[in-house]
Amino acid sequence: MADVMTNLKDDILQRLAQAAGGADDPTPPSSYYMSSVESMAMSIFDNNPSLRTWMHSRGLDPLKGPQAVLGLGCLLVRDAEINPRFELTDAERAELADDHDH
């Protein structure tokens, strides 16, 4: 299981590094915030038997916070490969920001 987690973590970190273009790693947010992220990730797997099975098949425990976040990251990467997102222009981003200021 440790090898699977290490490989998944390394893959995610490599993709994040590629996206950051060589910038330094960010400092994680507060522990309280990270605990909330872990709780939300665990609830996704807790409420979906097929995703729980998927996690177990990869040697990950969906009810352990860091492993649930790692599994969620893997799902997001996989989803982005299957369903590519479109890129917003700077003008489109500016319009979105204005919509939320109301």
PDB file of N, CA and C in Angstrom:
ATOM      1  N   MET A   1       0.826  -1.188   0.000  1.00  0.00           N
ATOM      2  CA  MET A   1       0.000   0.000   0.000  1.00  0.00           C
ATOM      3  C   MET A   1       0.871   1.252   0.000  1.00  0.00           C
ATOM      4  N   ALA A   2       1.968   1.219   0.720  1.00  0.00           N
ATOM      5  CA  ALA A   2       2.825   2.407   0.780  1.00  0.00           C
ATOM      6  C   ALA A   2       3.373   2.753  -0.595  1.00  0.00           C
ATOM      7  N   ASP A   3       3.708   1.726  -1.401  1.00  0.00           N
ATOM      8  CA  ASP A   3       4.226   1.985  -2.748  1.00  0.00           C
ATOM      9  C   ASP A   3       3.170   2.654  -3.623  1.00  0.00           C
ATOM     10  N   VAL A   4       1.937   2.188  -3.527  1.00  0.00           N
ATOM     11  CA  VAL A   4       0.852   2.771  -4.313  1.00  0.00           C
ATOM     12  C   VAL A   4       0.666   4.231  -3.925  1.00  0.00           C
ATOM     13  N   MET A   5       0.631   4.498  -2.613  1.00  0.00           N
ATOM     14  CA  MET A   5       0.449   5.874  -2.147  1.00  0.00           C
ATOM     15  C   MET A   5       1.600   6.758  -2.599  1.00  0.00           C
ATOM     16  N   THR A   6       2.816   6.236  -2.522  1.00  0.00           N
ATOM     17  CA  THR A   6       3.981   7.019  -2.941  1.00  0.00           C
ATOM     18  C   THR A   6       3.917   7.321  -4.429  1.00  0.00           C
ATOM     19  N   ASN A   7       3.571   6.327  -5.239  1.00  0.00           N
ATOM     20  CA  ASN A   7       3.474   6.540  -6.681  1.00  0.00           C
ATOM     21  C   ASN A   7       2.388   7.544  -7.029  1.00  0.00           C
ATOM     22  N   LEU A   8       1.219   7.421  -6.392  1.00  0.00           N
ATOM     23  CA  LEU A   8       0.132   8.362  -6.650  1.00  0.00           C
ATOM     24  C   LEU A   8       0.523   9.768  -6.216  1.00  0.00           C
ATOM     25  N   LYS A   9       1.113   9.873  -5.026  1.00  0.00           N
ATOM     26  CA  LYS A   9       1.523  11.182  -4.523  1.00  0.00           C
ATOM     27  C   LYS A   9       2.558  11.802  -5.452  1.00  0.00           C
ATOM     28  N   ASP A  10       3.542  11.005  -5.872  1.00  0.00           N
ATOM     29  CA  ASP A  10       4.577  11.522  -6.771  1.00  0.00           C
ATOM     30  C   ASP A  10       3.987  11.990  -8.093  1.00  0.00           C
ATOM     31  N   ASP A  11       3.010  11.233  -8.614  1.00  0.00           N
ATOM     32  CA  ASP A  11       2.369  11.612  -9.876  1.00  0.00           C
ATOM     33  C   ASP A  11       1.636  12.942  -9.727  1.00  0.00           C
ATOM     34  N   ILE A  12       0.890  13.087  -8.636  1.00  0.00           N
ATOM     35  CA  ILE A  12       0.154  14.335  -8.406  1.00  0.00           C
ATOM     36  C   ILE A  12       1.128  15.488  -8.206  1.00  0.00           C
ATOM     37  N   LEU A  13       2.175  15.289  -7.425  1.00  0.00           N
ATOM     38  CA  LEU A  13       3.151  16.355  -7.197  1.00  0.00           C
ATOM     39  C   LEU A  13       3.861  16.742  -8.490  1.00  0.00           C
ATOM     40  N   GLN A  14       4.144  15.754  -9.329  1.00  0.00           N
ATOM     41  CA  GLN A  14       4.784  16.046 -10.614  1.00  0.00           C
ATOM     42  C   GLN A  14       3.860  16.897 -11.486  1.00  0.00           C
ATOM     43  N   ARG A  15       2.573  16.551 -11.516  1.00  0.00           N
ATOM     44  CA  ARG A  15       1.621  17.333 -12.310  1.00  0.00           C
ATOM     45  C   ARG A  15       1.462  18.745 -11.749  1.00  0.00           C
ATOM     46  N   LEU A  16       1.473  18.869 -10.427  1.00  0.00           N
ATOM     47  CA  LEU A  16       1.389  20.200  -9.827  1.00  0.00           C
ATOM     48  C   LEU A  16       2.631  21.017 -10.149  1.00  0.00           C
ATOM     49  N   ALA A  17       3.802  20.383 -10.116  1.00  0.00           N
ATOM     50  CA  ALA A  17       5.040  21.087 -10.436  1.00  0.00           C
ATOM     51  C   ALA A  17       5.038  21.547 -11.887  1.00  0.00           C
ATOM     52  N   GLN A  18       4.530  20.706 -12.785  1.00  0.00           N
ATOM     53  CA  GLN A  18       4.448  21.086 -14.194  1.00  0.00           C
ATOM     54  C   GLN A  18       3.513  22.283 -14.353  1.00  0.00           C
ATOM     55  N   ALA A  19       2.407  22.264 -13.632  1.00  0.00           N
ATOM     56  CA  ALA A  19       1.448  23.364 -13.732  1.00  0.00           C
ATOM     57  C   ALA A  19       2.022  24.653 -13.147  1.00  0.00           C
ATOM     58  N   ALA A  20       2.854  24.520 -12.112  1.00  0.00           N
ATOM     59  CA  ALA A  20       3.422  25.704 -11.454  1.00  0.00           C
ATOM     60  C   ALA A  20       4.594  26.275 -12.232  1.00  0.00           C
ATOM     61  N   GLY A  21       5.127  25.518 -13.171  1.00  0.00           N
ATOM     62  CA  GLY A  21       6.245  26.016 -13.973  1.00  0.00           C
ATOM     63  C   GLY A  21       7.519  26.213 -13.189  1.00  0.00           C
ATOM     64  N   GLY A  22       7.772  25.363 -12.193  1.00  0.00           N
ATOM     65  CA  GLY A  22       9.025  25.431 -11.448  1.00  0.00           C
ATOM     66  C   GLY A  22       8.970  26.335 -10.227  1.00  0.00           C
ATOM     67  N   ALA A  23       7.817  26.880  -9.882  1.00  0.00           N
ATOM     68  CA  ALA A  23       7.713  27.731  -8.693  1.00  0.00           C
ATOM     69  C   ALA A  23       7.879  26.877  -7.430  1.00  0.00           C
ATOM     70  N   ASP A  24       8.235  27.521  -6.336  1.00  0.00           N
ATOM     71  CA  ASP A  24       8.387  26.812  -5.068  1.00  0.00           C
ATOM     72  C   ASP A  24       7.052  26.240  -4.610  1.00  0.00           C
ATOM     73  N   ASP A  25       7.141  25.161  -3.806  1.00  0.00           N
ATOM     74  CA  ASP A  25       5.935  24.566  -3.248  1.00  0.00           C
ATOM     75  C   ASP A  25       5.271  25.554  -2.295  1.00  0.00           C
ATOM     76  N   PRO A  26       3.948  25.611  -2.321  1.00  0.00           N
ATOM     77  CA  PRO A  26       3.260  26.533  -1.412  1.00  0.00           C
ATOM     78  C   PRO A  26       3.262  26.000   0.017  1.00  0.00           C
ATOM     79  N   THR A  27       3.087  26.887   0.966  1.00  0.00           N
ATOM     80  CA  THR A  27       2.910  26.494   2.355  1.00  0.00           C
ATOM     81  C   THR A  27       1.459  26.058   2.514  1.00  0.00           C
ATOM     82  N   PRO A  28       1.217  24.895   3.129  1.00  0.00           N
ATOM     83  CA  PRO A  28      -0.163  24.438   3.281  1.00  0.00           C
ATOM     84  C   PRO A  28      -0.983  25.411   4.125  1.00  0.00           C
ATOM     85  N   PRO A  29      -2.295  25.452   3.876  1.00  0.00           N
ATOM     86  CA  PRO A  29      -3.154  26.283   4.720  1.00  0.00           C
ATOM     87  C   PRO A  29      -3.187  25.747   6.146  1.00  0.00           C
ATOM     88  N   SER A  30      -3.952  26.359   6.997  1.00  0.00           N
ATOM     89  CA  SER A  30      -4.022  25.954   8.400  1.00  0.00           C
ATOM     90  C   SER A  30      -4.478  24.500   8.535  1.00  0.00           C
ATOM     91  N   SER A  31      -4.111  23.894   9.655  1.00  0.00           N
ATOM     92  CA  SER A  31      -4.517  22.509   9.921  1.00  0.00           C
ATOM     93  C   SER A  31      -6.030  22.378   9.971  1.00  0.00           C
ATOM     94  N   TYR A  32      -6.705  23.401  10.495  1.00  0.00           N
ATOM     95  CA  TYR A  32      -8.169  23.383  10.556  1.00  0.00           C
ATOM     96  C   TYR A  32      -8.744  23.295   9.148  1.00  0.00           C
ATOM     97  N   TYR A  33      -8.222  24.087   8.240  1.00  0.00           N
ATOM     98  CA  TYR A  33      -8.681  24.072   6.853  1.00  0.00           C
ATOM     99  C   TYR A  33      -8.399  22.713   6.220  1.00  0.00           C
ATOM    100  N   MET A  34      -7.206  22.192   6.435  1.00  0.00           N
ATOM    101  CA  MET A  34      -6.842  20.901   5.847  1.00  0.00           C
ATOM    102  C   MET A  34      -7.726  19.787   6.394  1.00  0.00           C
ATOM    103  N   SER A  35      -8.069  19.846   7.668  1.00  0.00           N
ATOM    104  CA  SER A  35      -8.974  18.846   8.246  1.00  0.00           C
ATOM    105  C   SER A  35     -10.342  18.903   7.578  1.00  0.00           C
ATOM    106  N   SER A  36     -10.797  20.097   7.253  1.00  0.00           N
ATOM    107  CA  SER A  36     -12.079  20.236   6.558  1.00  0.00           C
ATOM    108  C   SER A  36     -12.016  19.608   5.168  1.00  0.00           C
ATOM    109  N   VAL A  37     -10.900  19.829   4.471  1.00  0.00           N
ATOM    110  CA  VAL A  37     -10.720  19.243   3.134  1.00  0.00           C
ATOM    111  C   VAL A  37     -10.726  17.723   3.245  1.00  0.00           C
ATOM    112  N   GLU A  38     -10.014  17.191   4.238  1.00  0.00           N
ATOM    113  CA  GLU A  38      -9.975  15.739   4.433  1.00  0.00           C
ATOM    114  C   GLU A  38     -11.364  15.195   4.734  1.00  0.00           C
ATOM    115  N   SER A  39     -12.111  15.879   5.580  1.00  0.00           N
ATOM    116  CA  SER A  39     -13.470  15.423   5.923  1.00  0.00           C
ATOM    117  C   SER A  39     -14.366  15.384   4.692  1.00  0.00           C
ATOM    118  N   MET A  40     -14.272  16.411   3.868  1.00  0.00           N
ATOM    119  CA  MET A  40     -15.091  16.436   2.648  1.00  0.00           C
ATOM    120  C   MET A  40     -14.690  15.308   1.702  1.00  0.00           C
ATOM    121  N   ALA A  41     -13.394  15.066   1.559  1.00  0.00           N
ATOM    122  CA  ALA A  41     -12.936  13.983   0.680  1.00  0.00           C
ATOM    123  C   ALA A  41     -13.411  12.636   1.204  1.00  0.00           C
ATOM    124  N   MET A  42     -13.304  12.420   2.513  1.00  0.00           N
ATOM    125  CA  MET A  42     -13.758  11.148   3.084  1.00  0.00           C
ATOM    126  C   MET A  42     -15.251  10.946   2.863  1.00  0.00           C
ATOM    127  N   SER A  43     -16.043  12.031   2.955  1.00  0.00           N
ATOM    128  CA  SER A  43     -17.492  11.890   2.776  1.00  0.00           C
ATOM    129  C   SER A  43     -17.841  11.500   1.344  1.00  0.00           C
ATOM    130  N   ILE A  44     -17.052  11.936   0.384  1.00  0.00           N
ATOM    131  CA  ILE A  44     -17.292  11.550  -1.011  1.00  0.00           C
ATOM    132  C   ILE A  44     -17.179  10.041  -1.159  1.00  0.00           C
ATOM    133  N   PHE A  45     -16.142   9.463  -0.563  1.00  0.00           N
ATOM    134  CA  PHE A  45     -15.944   8.014  -0.672  1.00  0.00           C
ATOM    135  C   PHE A  45     -16.891   7.245   0.246  1.00  0.00           C
ATOM    136  N   ASP A  46     -17.199   7.824   1.397  1.00  0.00           N
ATOM    137  CA  ASP A  46     -18.083   7.160   2.343  1.00  0.00           C
ATOM    138  C   ASP A  46     -19.481   6.987   1.767  1.00  0.00           C
ATOM    139  N   ASN A  47     -19.925   7.932   0.952  1.00  0.00           N
ATOM    140  CA  ASN A  47     -21.276   7.897   0.394  1.00  0.00           C
ATOM    141  C   ASN A  47     -21.375   7.206  -0.960  1.00  0.00           C
ATOM    142  N   ASN A  48     -20.269   6.633  -1.456  1.00  0.00           N
ATOM    143  CA  ASN A  48     -20.294   6.021  -2.775  1.00  0.00           C
ATOM    144  C   ASN A  48     -19.558   4.676  -2.743  1.00  0.00           C
ATOM    145  N   PRO A  49     -20.312   3.572  -2.675  1.00  0.00           N
ATOM    146  CA  PRO A  49     -19.682   2.251  -2.578  1.00  0.00           C
ATOM    147  C   PRO A  49     -18.721   1.930  -3.731  1.00  0.00           C
ATOM    148  N   SER A  50     -19.040   2.353  -4.956  1.00  0.00           N
ATOM    149  CA  SER A  50     -18.151   2.020  -6.077  1.00  0.00           C
ATOM    150  C   SER A  50     -16.828   2.783  -5.969  1.00  0.00           C
ATOM    151  N   LEU A  51     -16.875   4.026  -5.494  1.00  0.00           N
ATOM    152  CA  LEU A  51     -15.629   4.769  -5.294  1.00  0.00           C
ATOM    153  C   LEU A  51     -14.822   4.190  -4.137  1.00  0.00           C
ATOM    154  N   ARG A  52     -15.514   3.722  -3.083  1.00  0.00           N
ATOM    155  CA  ARG A  52     -14.811   3.050  -1.969  1.00  0.00           C
ATOM    156  C   ARG A  52     -14.080   1.819  -2.488  1.00  0.00           C
ATOM    157  N   THR A  53     -14.762   1.036  -3.321  1.00  0.00           N
ATOM    158  CA  THR A  53     -14.147  -0.162  -3.902  1.00  0.00           C
ATOM    159  C   THR A  53     -12.948   0.218  -4.760  1.00  0.00           C
ATOM    160  N   TRP A  54     -13.083   1.276  -5.539  1.00  0.00           N
ATOM    161  CA  TRP A  54     -11.986   1.767  -6.377  1.00  0.00           C
ATOM    162  C   TRP A  54     -10.781   2.127  -5.517  1.00  0.00           C
ATOM    163  N   MET A  55     -11.025   2.828  -4.402  1.00  0.00           N
ATOM    164  CA  MET A  55      -9.933   3.194  -3.493  1.00  0.00           C
ATOM    165  C   MET A  55      -9.270   1.951  -2.915  1.00  0.00           C
ATOM    166  N   HIS A  56     -10.071   1.012  -2.431  1.00  0.00           N
ATOM    167  CA  HIS A  56      -9.515  -0.205  -1.844  1.00  0.00           C
ATOM    168  C   HIS A  56      -8.698  -0.989  -2.860  1.00  0.00           C
ATOM    169  N   SER A  57      -9.136  -0.995  -4.120  1.00  0.00           N
ATOM    170  CA  SER A  57      -8.412  -1.743  -5.155  1.00  0.00           C
ATOM    171  C   SER A  57      -7.030  -1.145  -5.410  1.00  0.00           C
ATOM    172  N   ARG A  58      -6.837   0.102  -5.028  1.00  0.00           N
ATOM    173  CA  ARG A  58      -5.542   0.761  -5.183  1.00  0.00           C
ATOM    174  C   ARG A  58      -4.748   0.779  -3.888  1.00  0.00           C
ATOM    175  N   GLY A  59      -5.253   0.067  -2.888  1.00  0.00           N
ATOM    176  CA  GLY A  59      -4.544  -0.021  -1.626  1.00  0.00           C
ATOM    177  C   GLY A  59      -4.667   1.211  -0.759  1.00  0.00           C
ATOM    178  N   LEU A  60      -5.683   2.018  -1.000  1.00  0.00           N
ATOM    179  CA  LEU A  60      -5.893   3.240  -0.224  1.00  0.00           C
ATOM    180  C   LEU A  60      -7.109   3.092   0.674  1.00  0.00           C
ATOM    181  N   ASP A  61      -7.067   3.723   1.826  1.00  0.00           N
ATOM    182  CA  ASP A  61      -8.188   3.696   2.760  1.00  0.00           C
ATOM    183  C   ASP A  61      -8.985   4.990   2.600  1.00  0.00           C
ATOM    184  N   PRO A  62     -10.217   4.902   2.080  1.00  0.00           N
ATOM    185  CA  PRO A  62     -11.002   6.108   1.829  1.00  0.00           C
ATOM    186  C   PRO A  62     -11.472   6.817   3.094  1.00  0.00           C
ATOM    187  N   LEU A  63     -11.262   6.198   4.258  1.00  0.00           N
ATOM    188  CA  LEU A  63     -11.693   6.819   5.504  1.00  0.00           C
ATOM    189  C   LEU A  63     -10.518   7.378   6.305  1.00  0.00           C
ATOM    190  N   LYS A  64      -9.355   7.443   5.684  1.00  0.00           N
ATOM    191  CA  LYS A  64      -8.197   8.118   6.275  1.00  0.00           C
ATOM    192  C   LYS A  64      -8.001   9.399   5.477  1.00  0.00           C
ATOM    193  N   GLY A  65      -8.049  10.518   6.171  1.00  0.00           N
ATOM    194  CA  GLY A  65      -8.047  11.829   5.543  1.00  0.00           C
ATOM    195  C   GLY A  65      -7.048  12.035   4.417  1.00  0.00           C
ATOM    196  N   PRO A  66      -5.736  11.916   4.680  1.00  0.00           N
ATOM    197  CA  PRO A  66      -4.770  12.163   3.609  1.00  0.00           C
ATOM    198  C   PRO A  66      -4.928  11.213   2.424  1.00  0.00           C
ATOM    199  N   GLN A  67      -5.287   9.951   2.695  1.00  0.00           N
ATOM    200  CA  GLN A  67      -5.480   9.002   1.605  1.00  0.00           C
ATOM    201  C   GLN A  67      -6.733   9.339   0.809  1.00  0.00           C
ATOM    202  N   ALA A  68      -7.773   9.825   1.475  1.00  0.00           N
ATOM    203  CA  ALA A  68      -8.992  10.234   0.768  1.00  0.00           C
ATOM    204  C   ALA A  68      -8.712  11.434  -0.128  1.00  0.00           C
ATOM    205  N   VAL A  69      -7.927  12.389   0.363  1.00  0.00           N
ATOM    206  CA  VAL A  69      -7.569  13.554  -0.452  1.00  0.00           C
ATOM    207  C   VAL A  69      -6.733  13.110  -1.642  1.00  0.00           C
ATOM    208  N   LEU A  70      -5.812  12.181  -1.412  1.00  0.00           N
ATOM    209  CA  LEU A  70      -4.998  11.652  -2.501  1.00  0.00           C
ATOM    210  C   LEU A  70      -5.873  10.966  -3.549  1.00  0.00           C
ATOM    211  N   GLY A  71      -6.832  10.160  -3.106  1.00  0.00           N
ATOM    212  CA  GLY A  71      -7.750   9.506  -4.036  1.00  0.00           C
ATOM    213  C   GLY A  71      -8.597  10.503  -4.804  1.00  0.00           C
ATOM    214  N   LEU A  72      -9.054  11.538  -4.118  1.00  0.00           N
ATOM    215  CA  LEU A  72      -9.843  12.575  -4.778  1.00  0.00           C
ATOM    216  C   LEU A  72      -9.005  13.297  -5.827  1.00  0.00           C
ATOM    217  N   GLY A  73      -7.737  13.561  -5.496  1.00  0.00           N
ATOM    218  CA  GLY A  73      -6.836  14.179  -6.474  1.00  0.00           C
ATOM    219  C   GLY A  73      -6.680  13.309  -7.705  1.00  0.00           C
ATOM    220  N   CYS A  74      -6.556  12.012  -7.495  1.00  0.00           N
ATOM    221  CA  CYS A  74      -6.434  11.080  -8.624  1.00  0.00           C
ATOM    222  C   CYS A  74      -7.691  11.109  -9.483  1.00  0.00           C
ATOM    223  N   LEU A  75      -8.858  11.154  -8.832  1.00  0.00           N
ATOM    224  CA  LEU A  75     -10.111  11.220  -9.583  1.00  0.00           C
ATOM    225  C   LEU A  75     -10.201  12.510 -10.392  1.00  0.00           C
ATOM    226  N   LEU A  76      -9.775  13.609  -9.803  1.00  0.00           N
ATOM    227  CA  LEU A  76      -9.819  14.887 -10.516  1.00  0.00           C
ATOM    228  C   LEU A  76      -8.882  14.898 -11.711  1.00  0.00           C
ATOM    229  N   VAL A  77      -7.683  14.333 -11.540  1.00  0.00           N
ATOM    230  CA  VAL A  77      -6.733  14.254 -12.658  1.00  0.00           C
ATOM    231  C   VAL A  77      -7.318  13.383 -13.761  1.00  0.00           C
ATOM    232  N   ARG A  78      -7.878  12.253 -13.384  1.00  0.00           N
ATOM    233  CA  ARG A  78      -8.476  11.348 -14.365  1.00  0.00           C
ATOM    234  C   ARG A  78      -9.642  12.017 -15.081  1.00  0.00           C
ATOM    235  N   ASP A  79     -10.480  12.721 -14.347  1.00  0.00           N
ATOM    236  CA  ASP A  79     -11.617  13.407 -14.953  1.00  0.00           C
ATOM    237  C   ASP A  79     -11.153  14.485 -15.928  1.00  0.00           C
ATOM    238  N   ALA A  80     -10.106  15.208 -15.564  1.00  0.00           N
ATOM    239  CA  ALA A  80      -9.591  16.253 -16.452  1.00  0.00           C
ATOM    240  C   ALA A  80      -9.029  15.656 -17.739  1.00  0.00           C
ATOM    241  N   GLU A  81      -8.484  14.443 -17.660  1.00  0.00           N
ATOM    242  CA  GLU A  81      -7.988  13.775 -18.869  1.00  0.00           C
ATOM    243  C   GLU A  81      -9.152  13.361 -19.769  1.00  0.00           C
ATOM    244  N   ILE A  82     -10.226  12.886 -19.156  1.00  0.00           N
ATOM    245  CA  ILE A  82     -11.386  12.414 -19.921  1.00  0.00           C
ATOM    246  C   ILE A  82     -12.227  13.584 -20.419  1.00  0.00           C
ATOM    247  N   ASN A  83     -12.397  14.593 -19.574  1.00  0.00           N
ATOM    248  CA  ASN A  83     -13.244  15.749 -19.884  1.00  0.00           C
ATOM    249  C   ASN A  83     -12.418  17.030 -19.763  1.00  0.00           C
ATOM    250  N   PRO A  84     -11.632  17.355 -20.774  1.00  0.00           N
ATOM    251  CA  PRO A  84     -10.775  18.544 -20.683  1.00  0.00           C
ATOM    252  C   PRO A  84     -11.596  19.813 -20.427  1.00  0.00           C
ATOM    253  N   ARG A  85     -11.045  20.670 -19.592  1.00  0.00           N
ATOM    254  CA  ARG A  85     -11.690  21.949 -19.299  1.00  0.00           C
ATOM    255  C   ARG A  85     -11.219  22.985 -20.306  1.00  0.00           C
ATOM    256  N   PHE A  86     -12.074  23.925 -20.606  1.00  0.00           N
ATOM    257  CA  PHE A  86     -11.673  25.006 -21.488  1.00  0.00           C
ATOM    258  C   PHE A  86     -10.961  26.064 -20.649  1.00  0.00           C
ATOM    259  N   GLU A  87     -10.094  26.806 -21.277  1.00  0.00           N
ATOM    260  CA  GLU A  87      -9.338  27.852 -20.600  1.00  0.00           C
ATOM    261  C   GLU A  87     -10.046  29.190 -20.771  1.00  0.00           C
ATOM    262  N   LEU A  88     -10.219  29.906 -19.683  1.00  0.00           N
ATOM    263  CA  LEU A  88     -10.819  31.230 -19.736  1.00  0.00           C
ATOM    264  C   LEU A  88      -9.771  32.269 -20.130  1.00  0.00           C
ATOM    265  N   THR A  89     -10.200  33.264 -20.877  1.00  0.00           N
ATOM    266  CA  THR A  89      -9.316  34.381 -21.183  1.00  0.00           C
ATOM    267  C   THR A  89      -9.303  35.318 -19.977  1.00  0.00           C
ATOM    268  N   ASP A  90      -8.370  36.258 -19.948  1.00  0.00           N
ATOM    269  CA  ASP A  90      -8.319  37.231 -18.854  1.00  0.00           C
ATOM    270  C   ASP A  90      -9.613  38.038 -18.788  1.00  0.00           C
ATOM    271  N   ALA A  91     -10.168  38.389 -19.937  1.00  0.00           N
ATOM    272  CA  ALA A  91     -11.418  39.156 -19.972  1.00  0.00           C
ATOM    273  C   ALA A  91     -12.567  38.336 -19.375  1.00  0.00           C
ATOM    274  N   GLU A  92     -12.611  37.037 -19.681  1.00  0.00           N
ATOM    275  CA  GLU A  92     -13.669  36.182 -19.133  1.00  0.00           C
ATOM    276  C   GLU A  92     -13.512  36.033 -17.617  1.00  0.00           C
ATOM    277  N   ARG A  93     -12.275  35.923 -17.147  1.00  0.00           N
ATOM    278  CA  ARG A  93     -12.039  35.838 -15.701  1.00  0.00           C
ATOM    279  C   ARG A  93     -12.495  37.123 -15.013  1.00  0.00           C
ATOM    280  N   ALA A  94     -12.222  38.253 -15.626  1.00  0.00           N
ATOM    281  CA  ALA A  94     -12.627  39.544 -15.063  1.00  0.00           C
ATOM    282  C   ALA A  94     -14.146  39.627 -14.973  1.00  0.00           C
ATOM    283  N   GLU A  95     -14.841  39.136 -15.981  1.00  0.00           N
ATOM    284  CA  GLU A  95     -16.304  39.143 -15.949  1.00  0.00           C
ATOM    285  C   GLU A  95     -16.843  38.268 -14.832  1.00  0.00           C
ATOM    286  N   LEU A  96     -16.231  37.094 -14.627  1.00  0.00           N
ATOM    287  CA  LEU A  96     -16.674  36.209 -13.544  1.00  0.00           C
ATOM    288  C   LEU A  96     -16.489  36.863 -12.201  1.00  0.00           C
ATOM    289  N   ALA A  97     -15.363  37.520 -12.007  1.00  0.00           N
ATOM    290  CA  ALA A  97     -15.112  38.194 -10.725  1.00  0.00           C
ATOM    291  C   ALA A  97     -16.176  39.261 -10.470  1.00  0.00           C
ATOM    292  N   ASP A  98     -16.571  40.017 -11.523  1.00  0.00           N
ATOM    293  CA  ASP A  98     -17.591  41.040 -11.357  1.00  0.00           C
ATOM    294  C   ASP A  98     -18.935  40.441 -11.000  1.00  0.00           C
ATOM    295  N   ASP A  99     -19.258  39.270 -11.532  1.00  0.00           N
ATOM    296  CA  ASP A  99     -20.540  38.640 -11.242  1.00  0.00           C
ATOM    297  C   ASP A  99     -20.673  38.288  -9.772  1.00  0.00           C
ATOM    298  N   HIS A 100     -19.556  37.986  -9.106  1.00  0.00           N
ATOM    299  CA  HIS A 100     -19.601  37.569  -7.703  1.00  0.00           C
ATOM    300  C   HIS A 100     -19.555  38.735  -6.730  1.00  0.00           C
ATOM    301  N   ASP A 101     -19.397  39.936  -7.227  1.00  0.00           N
ATOM    302  CA  ASP A 101     -19.317  41.098  -6.356  1.00  0.00           C
ATOM    303  C   ASP A 101     -20.674  41.697  -6.001  1.00  0.00           C
ATOM    304  N   HIS A 102     -21.734  41.140  -6.538  1.00  0.00           N
ATOM    305  CA  HIS A 102     -23.068  41.727  -6.301  1.00  0.00           C
ATOM    306  C   HIS A 102     -23.548  41.467  -4.905  1.00  0.00           C
TER     307      HIS A 102
END
